[in-house]
Amino acid sequence: MGRLFDLDHPFFIPLWRRVLIVAACLLWALVEFLGGAPFWGVLFGAIGLYAGWHFFFNFHPRPPGDPKP
């Protein structure tokens, strides 16, 4: 069964893209908490934490041109 987000896609190989995505999610979570929307803050915080874990501790990118497994 496929995953909703393919975080091992070759698009994510450059480090700056991975850092930017994680930072954007966590920053948006902070914006939501400060704006009084804790549901969205928790949601974006969880996405940011999951992306951070995957991008920096469990990242196994496919080389460009490889088919999706």
PDB file of N, CA and C in Angstrom:
ATOM      1  N   MET A   1       0.848  -1.182   0.000  1.00  0.00           N
ATOM      2  CA  MET A   1       0.000   0.000   0.000  1.00  0.00           C
ATOM      3  C   MET A   1       0.889   1.239   0.000  1.00  0.00           C
ATOM      4  N   GLY A   2       0.541   2.227  -0.818  1.00  0.00           N
ATOM      5  CA  GLY A   2       1.346   3.439  -0.936  1.00  0.00           C
ATOM      6  C   GLY A   2       1.142   4.384   0.234  1.00  0.00           C
ATOM      7  N   ARG A   3       2.078   5.274   0.365  1.00  0.00           N
ATOM      8  CA  ARG A   3       1.987   6.285   1.410  1.00  0.00           C
ATOM      9  C   ARG A   3       1.391   7.559   0.838  1.00  0.00           C
ATOM     10  N   LEU A   4       0.783   8.349   1.693  1.00  0.00           N
ATOM     11  CA  LEU A   4       0.201   9.611   1.259  1.00  0.00           C
ATOM     12  C   LEU A   4       1.301  10.587   0.848  1.00  0.00           C
ATOM     13  N   PHE A   5       2.379  10.644   1.625  1.00  0.00           N
ATOM     14  CA  PHE A   5       3.508  11.519   1.334  1.00  0.00           C
ATOM     15  C   PHE A   5       4.734  10.665   1.079  1.00  0.00           C
ATOM     16  N   ASP A   6       5.388  10.867  -0.055  1.00  0.00           N
ATOM     17  CA  ASP A   6       6.616  10.137  -0.369  1.00  0.00           C
ATOM     18  C   ASP A   6       7.801  11.000   0.043  1.00  0.00           C
ATOM     19  N   LEU A   7       8.216  10.879   1.289  1.00  0.00           N
ATOM     20  CA  LEU A   7       9.303  11.710   1.808  1.00  0.00           C
ATOM     21  C   LEU A   7      10.675  11.210   1.389  1.00  0.00           C
ATOM     22  N   ASP A   8      10.753  10.126   0.651  1.00  0.00           N
ATOM     23  CA  ASP A   8      12.023   9.640   0.113  1.00  0.00           C
ATOM     24  C   ASP A   8      12.203  10.022  -1.350  1.00  0.00           C
ATOM     25  N   HIS A   9      11.366  10.913  -1.852  1.00  0.00           N
ATOM     26  CA  HIS A   9      11.438  11.354  -3.239  1.00  0.00           C
ATOM     27  C   HIS A   9      12.760  12.109  -3.469  1.00  0.00           C
ATOM     28  N   PRO A  10      13.353  11.990  -4.660  1.00  0.00           N
ATOM     29  CA  PRO A  10      14.610  12.690  -4.938  1.00  0.00           C
ATOM     30  C   PRO A  10      14.525  14.213  -4.785  1.00  0.00           C
ATOM     31  N   PHE A  11      13.335  14.782  -4.840  1.00  0.00           N
ATOM     32  CA  PHE A  11      13.165  16.227  -4.641  1.00  0.00           C
ATOM     33  C   PHE A  11      13.732  16.671  -3.293  1.00  0.00           C
ATOM     34  N   PHE A  12      13.704  15.808  -2.301  1.00  0.00           N
ATOM     35  CA  PHE A  12      14.110  16.171  -0.948  1.00  0.00           C
ATOM     36  C   PHE A  12      15.587  15.923  -0.662  1.00  0.00           C
ATOM     37  N   ILE A  13      16.378  15.579  -1.644  1.00  0.00           N
ATOM     38  CA  ILE A  13      17.799  15.315  -1.409  1.00  0.00           C
ATOM     39  C   ILE A  13      18.550  16.559  -0.915  1.00  0.00           C
ATOM     40  N   PRO A  14      18.349  17.753  -1.498  1.00  0.00           N
ATOM     41  CA  PRO A  14      19.066  18.924  -0.964  1.00  0.00           C
ATOM     42  C   PRO A  14      18.660  19.233   0.477  1.00  0.00           C
ATOM     43  N   LEU A  15      19.651  19.426   1.320  1.00  0.00           N
ATOM     44  CA  LEU A  15      19.402  19.676   2.743  1.00  0.00           C
ATOM     45  C   LEU A  15      18.551  20.912   2.974  1.00  0.00           C
ATOM     46  N   TRP A  16      18.755  21.968   2.198  1.00  0.00           N
ATOM     47  CA  TRP A  16      18.017  23.213   2.439  1.00  0.00           C
ATOM     48  C   TRP A  16      16.516  23.022   2.256  1.00  0.00           C
ATOM     49  N   ARG A  17      16.106  22.145   1.353  1.00  0.00           N
ATOM     50  CA  ARG A  17      14.675  21.905   1.165  1.00  0.00           C
ATOM     51  C   ARG A  17      14.073  21.207   2.377  1.00  0.00           C
ATOM     52  N   ARG A  18      14.810  20.247   2.917  1.00  0.00           N
ATOM     53  CA  ARG A  18      14.305  19.525   4.087  1.00  0.00           C
ATOM     54  C   ARG A  18      14.210  20.449   5.294  1.00  0.00           C
ATOM     55  N   VAL A  19      15.228  21.278   5.485  1.00  0.00           N
ATOM     56  CA  VAL A  19      15.214  22.223   6.607  1.00  0.00           C
ATOM     57  C   VAL A  19      14.074  23.220   6.441  1.00  0.00           C
ATOM     58  N   LEU A  20      13.887  23.726   5.234  1.00  0.00           N
ATOM     59  CA  LEU A  20      12.837  24.708   4.976  1.00  0.00           C
ATOM     60  C   LEU A  20      11.442  24.138   5.231  1.00  0.00           C
ATOM     61  N   ILE A  21      11.204  22.913   4.822  1.00  0.00           N
ATOM     62  CA  ILE A  21       9.883  22.299   5.021  1.00  0.00           C
ATOM     63  C   ILE A  21       9.585  22.096   6.499  1.00  0.00           C
ATOM     64  N   VAL A  22      10.568  21.578   7.238  1.00  0.00           N
ATOM     65  CA  VAL A  22      10.365  21.359   8.672  1.00  0.00           C
ATOM     66  C   VAL A  22      10.167  22.695   9.387  1.00  0.00           C
ATOM     67  N   ALA A  23      10.999  23.668   9.070  1.00  0.00           N
ATOM     68  CA  ALA A  23      10.883  24.979   9.714  1.00  0.00           C
ATOM     69  C   ALA A  23       9.548  25.643   9.400  1.00  0.00           C
ATOM     70  N   ALA A  24       9.096  25.536   8.156  1.00  0.00           N
ATOM     71  CA  ALA A  24       7.819  26.148   7.776  1.00  0.00           C
ATOM     72  C   ALA A  24       6.659  25.514   8.542  1.00  0.00           C
ATOM     73  N   CYS A  25       6.660  24.200   8.671  1.00  0.00           N
ATOM     74  CA  CYS A  25       5.579  23.522   9.406  1.00  0.00           C
ATOM     75  C   CYS A  25       5.576  23.927  10.878  1.00  0.00           C
ATOM     76  N   LEU A  26       6.751  23.941  11.493  1.00  0.00           N
ATOM     77  CA  LEU A  26       6.812  24.290  12.915  1.00  0.00           C
ATOM     78  C   LEU A  26       6.501  25.767  13.149  1.00  0.00           C
ATOM     79  N   LEU A  27       6.931  26.623  12.236  1.00  0.00           N
ATOM     80  CA  LEU A  27       6.603  28.042  12.357  1.00  0.00           C
ATOM     81  C   LEU A  27       5.103  28.262  12.196  1.00  0.00           C
ATOM     82  N   TRP A  28       4.500  27.557  11.254  1.00  0.00           N
ATOM     83  CA  TRP A  28       3.054  27.704  11.068  1.00  0.00           C
ATOM     84  C   TRP A  28       2.292  27.172  12.289  1.00  0.00           C
ATOM     85  N   ALA A  29       2.807  26.133  12.906  1.00  0.00           N
ATOM     86  CA  ALA A  29       2.184  25.637  14.137  1.00  0.00           C
ATOM     87  C   ALA A  29       2.211  26.717  15.214  1.00  0.00           C
ATOM     88  N   LEU A  30       3.326  27.409  15.327  1.00  0.00           N
ATOM     89  CA  LEU A  30       3.434  28.496  16.303  1.00  0.00           C
ATOM     90  C   LEU A  30       2.437  29.608  15.978  1.00  0.00           C
ATOM     91  N   VAL A  31       2.312  29.963  14.703  1.00  0.00           N
ATOM     92  CA  VAL A  31       1.346  30.989  14.293  1.00  0.00           C
ATOM     93  C   VAL A  31      -0.070  30.580  14.686  1.00  0.00           C
ATOM     94  N   GLU A  32      -0.395  29.324  14.464  1.00  0.00           N
ATOM     95  CA  GLU A  32      -1.743  28.849  14.804  1.00  0.00           C
ATOM     96  C   GLU A  32      -1.982  28.883  16.318  1.00  0.00           C
ATOM     97  N   PHE A  33      -0.985  28.466  17.094  1.00  0.00           N
ATOM     98  CA  PHE A  33      -1.148  28.517  18.555  1.00  0.00           C
ATOM     99  C   PHE A  33      -1.323  29.955  19.029  1.00  0.00           C
ATOM    100  N   LEU A  34      -0.514  30.856  18.505  1.00  0.00           N
ATOM    101  CA  LEU A  34      -0.623  32.255  18.912  1.00  0.00           C
ATOM    102  C   LEU A  34      -1.924  32.890  18.442  1.00  0.00           C
ATOM    103  N   GLY A  35      -2.488  32.364  17.378  1.00  0.00           N
ATOM    104  CA  GLY A  35      -3.761  32.879  16.866  1.00  0.00           C
ATOM    105  C   GLY A  35      -4.972  32.264  17.538  1.00  0.00           C
ATOM    106  N   GLY A  36      -4.757  31.348  18.460  1.00  0.00           N
ATOM    107  CA  GLY A  36      -5.867  30.771  19.205  1.00  0.00           C
ATOM    108  C   GLY A  36      -6.516  29.567  18.539  1.00  0.00           C
ATOM    109  N   ALA A  37      -5.775  28.880  17.687  1.00  0.00           N
ATOM    110  CA  ALA A  37      -6.316  27.702  17.005  1.00  0.00           C
ATOM    111  C   ALA A  37      -5.458  26.481  17.367  1.00  0.00           C
ATOM    112  N   PRO A  38      -5.665  25.920  18.560  1.00  0.00           N
ATOM    113  CA  PRO A  38      -4.789  24.837  19.001  1.00  0.00           C
ATOM    114  C   PRO A  38      -4.896  23.562  18.151  1.00  0.00           C
ATOM    115  N   PHE A  39      -6.066  23.291  17.577  1.00  0.00           N
ATOM    116  CA  PHE A  39      -6.186  22.093  16.740  1.00  0.00           C
ATOM    117  C   PHE A  39      -5.208  22.155  15.572  1.00  0.00           C
ATOM    118  N   TRP A  40      -5.213  23.285  14.855  1.00  0.00           N
ATOM    119  CA  TRP A  40      -4.322  23.430  13.710  1.00  0.00           C
ATOM    120  C   TRP A  40      -2.869  23.513  14.157  1.00  0.00           C
ATOM    121  N   GLY A  41      -2.620  24.092  15.322  1.00  0.00           N
ATOM    122  CA  GLY A  41      -1.263  24.140  15.846  1.00  0.00           C
ATOM    123  C   GLY A  41      -0.713  22.749  16.119  1.00  0.00           C
ATOM    124  N   VAL A  42      -1.538  21.907  16.728  1.00  0.00           N
ATOM    125  CA  VAL A  42      -1.115  20.523  16.992  1.00  0.00           C
ATOM    126  C   VAL A  42      -0.920  19.774  15.680  1.00  0.00           C
ATOM    127  N   LEU A  43      -1.813  19.977  14.733  1.00  0.00           N
ATOM    128  CA  LEU A  43      -1.721  19.286  13.448  1.00  0.00           C
ATOM    129  C   LEU A  43      -0.428  19.656  12.710  1.00  0.00           C
ATOM    130  N   PHE A  44      -0.168  20.946  12.559  1.00  0.00           N
ATOM    131  CA  PHE A  44       1.054  21.349  11.861  1.00  0.00           C
ATOM    132  C   PHE A  44       2.305  21.035  12.676  1.00  0.00           C
ATOM    133  N   GLY A  45       2.217  21.087  13.991  1.00  0.00           N
ATOM    134  CA  GLY A  45       3.356  20.686  14.814  1.00  0.00           C
ATOM    135  C   GLY A  45       3.690  19.214  14.635  1.00  0.00           C
ATOM    136  N   ALA A  46       2.656  18.383  14.585  1.00  0.00           N
ATOM    137  CA  ALA A  46       2.882  16.947  14.379  1.00  0.00           C
ATOM    138  C   ALA A  46       3.470  16.671  12.998  1.00  0.00           C
ATOM    139  N   ILE A  47       2.977  17.364  11.983  1.00  0.00           N
ATOM    140  CA  ILE A  47       3.529  17.189  10.633  1.00  0.00           C
ATOM    141  C   ILE A  47       4.996  17.622  10.611  1.00  0.00           C
ATOM    142  N   GLY A  48       5.300  18.745  11.246  1.00  0.00           N
ATOM    143  CA  GLY A  48       6.680  19.224  11.295  1.00  0.00           C
ATOM    144  C   GLY A  48       7.602  18.272  12.029  1.00  0.00           C
ATOM    145  N   LEU A  49       7.134  17.730  13.146  1.00  0.00           N
ATOM    146  CA  LEU A  49       7.959  16.787  13.905  1.00  0.00           C
ATOM    147  C   LEU A  49       8.161  15.488  13.142  1.00  0.00           C
ATOM    148  N   TYR A  50       7.111  15.011  12.485  1.00  0.00           N
ATOM    149  CA  TYR A  50       7.237  13.786  11.700  1.00  0.00           C
ATOM    150  C   TYR A  50       8.195  13.987  10.524  1.00  0.00           C
ATOM    151  N   ALA A  51       8.048  15.115   9.832  1.00  0.00           N
ATOM    152  CA  ALA A  51       8.941  15.401   8.709  1.00  0.00           C
ATOM    153  C   ALA A  51      10.381  15.542   9.203  1.00  0.00           C
ATOM    154  N   GLY A  52      10.577  16.195  10.340  1.00  0.00           N
ATOM    155  CA  GLY A  52      11.924  16.335  10.895  1.00  0.00           C
ATOM    156  C   GLY A  52      12.536  14.997  11.246  1.00  0.00           C
ATOM    157  N   TRP A  53      11.748  14.137  11.861  1.00  0.00           N
ATOM    158  CA  TRP A  53      12.257  12.799  12.193  1.00  0.00           C
ATOM    159  C   TRP A  53      12.624  12.039  10.925  1.00  0.00           C
ATOM    160  N   HIS A  54      11.763  12.095   9.951  1.00  0.00           N
ATOM    161  CA  HIS A  54      12.023  11.333   8.727  1.00  0.00           C
ATOM    162  C   HIS A  54      13.197  11.927   7.936  1.00  0.00           C
ATOM    163  N   PHE A  55      13.250  13.237   7.791  1.00  0.00           N
ATOM    164  CA  PHE A  55      14.284  13.871   6.981  1.00  0.00           C
ATOM    165  C   PHE A  55      15.669  13.810   7.604  1.00  0.00           C
ATOM    166  N   PHE A  56      15.760  13.783   8.923  1.00  0.00           N
ATOM    167  CA  PHE A  56      17.074  13.873   9.558  1.00  0.00           C
ATOM    168  C   PHE A  56      17.519  12.606  10.283  1.00  0.00           C
ATOM    169  N   PHE A  57      16.623  11.659  10.514  1.00  0.00           N
ATOM    170  CA  PHE A  57      17.003  10.437  11.206  1.00  0.00           C
ATOM    171  C   PHE A  57      16.695   9.172  10.415  1.00  0.00           C
ATOM    172  N   ASN A  58      15.779   9.255   9.458  1.00  0.00           N
ATOM    173  CA  ASN A  58      15.340   8.058   8.746  1.00  0.00           C
ATOM    174  C   ASN A  58      15.211   8.346   7.248  1.00  0.00           C
ATOM    175  N   PHE A  59      16.156   9.089   6.692  1.00  0.00           N
ATOM    176  CA  PHE A  59      16.057   9.532   5.298  1.00  0.00           C
ATOM    177  C   PHE A  59      16.845   8.590   4.402  1.00  0.00           C
ATOM    178  N   HIS A  60      16.157   7.953   3.473  1.00  0.00           N
ATOM    179  CA  HIS A  60      16.774   7.043   2.508  1.00  0.00           C
ATOM    180  C   HIS A  60      16.262   7.417   1.121  1.00  0.00           C
ATOM    181  N   PRO A  61      16.834   8.478   0.527  1.00  0.00           N
ATOM    182  CA  PRO A  61      16.300   8.950  -0.754  1.00  0.00           C
ATOM    183  C   PRO A  61      16.578   7.972  -1.887  1.00  0.00           C
ATOM    184  N   ARG A  62      15.666   7.954  -2.834  1.00  0.00           N
ATOM    185  CA  ARG A  62      15.884   7.177  -4.050  1.00  0.00           C
ATOM    186  C   ARG A  62      16.706   8.036  -5.005  1.00  0.00           C
ATOM    187  N   PRO A  63      17.623   7.431  -5.732  1.00  0.00           N
ATOM    188  CA  PRO A  63      18.344   8.209  -6.747  1.00  0.00           C
ATOM    189  C   PRO A  63      17.376   8.699  -7.821  1.00  0.00           C
ATOM    190  N   PRO A  64      17.654   9.850  -8.415  1.00  0.00           N
ATOM    191  CA  PRO A  64      16.772  10.335  -9.487  1.00  0.00           C
ATOM    192  C   PRO A  64      16.661   9.315 -10.613  1.00  0.00           C
ATOM    193  N   GLY A  65      15.479   9.120 -11.102  1.00  0.00           N
ATOM    194  CA  GLY A  65      15.246   8.179 -12.182  1.00  0.00           C
ATOM    195  C   GLY A  65      14.792   6.804 -11.733  1.00  0.00           C
ATOM    196  N   ASP A  66      14.951   6.476 -10.449  1.00  0.00           N
ATOM    197  CA  ASP A  66      14.480   5.194  -9.949  1.00  0.00           C
ATOM    198  C   ASP A  66      12.958   5.202  -9.833  1.00  0.00           C
ATOM    199  N   PRO A  67      12.315   4.126 -10.212  1.00  0.00           N
ATOM    200  CA  PRO A  67      10.855   4.080 -10.062  1.00  0.00           C
ATOM    201  C   PRO A  67      10.457   3.995  -8.600  1.00  0.00           C
ATOM    202  N   LYS A  68       9.255   4.456  -8.323  1.00  0.00           N
ATOM    203  CA  LYS A  68       8.739   4.390  -6.953  1.00  0.00           C
ATOM    204  C   LYS A  68       8.527   2.916  -6.566  1.00  0.00           C
ATOM    205  N   PRO A  69       9.012   2.520  -5.384  1.00  0.00           N
ATOM    206  CA  PRO A  69       8.852   1.104  -4.986  1.00  0.00           C
ATOM    207  C   PRO A  69       7.418   0.731  -4.693  1.00  0.00           C
TER     208      PRO A  69
END
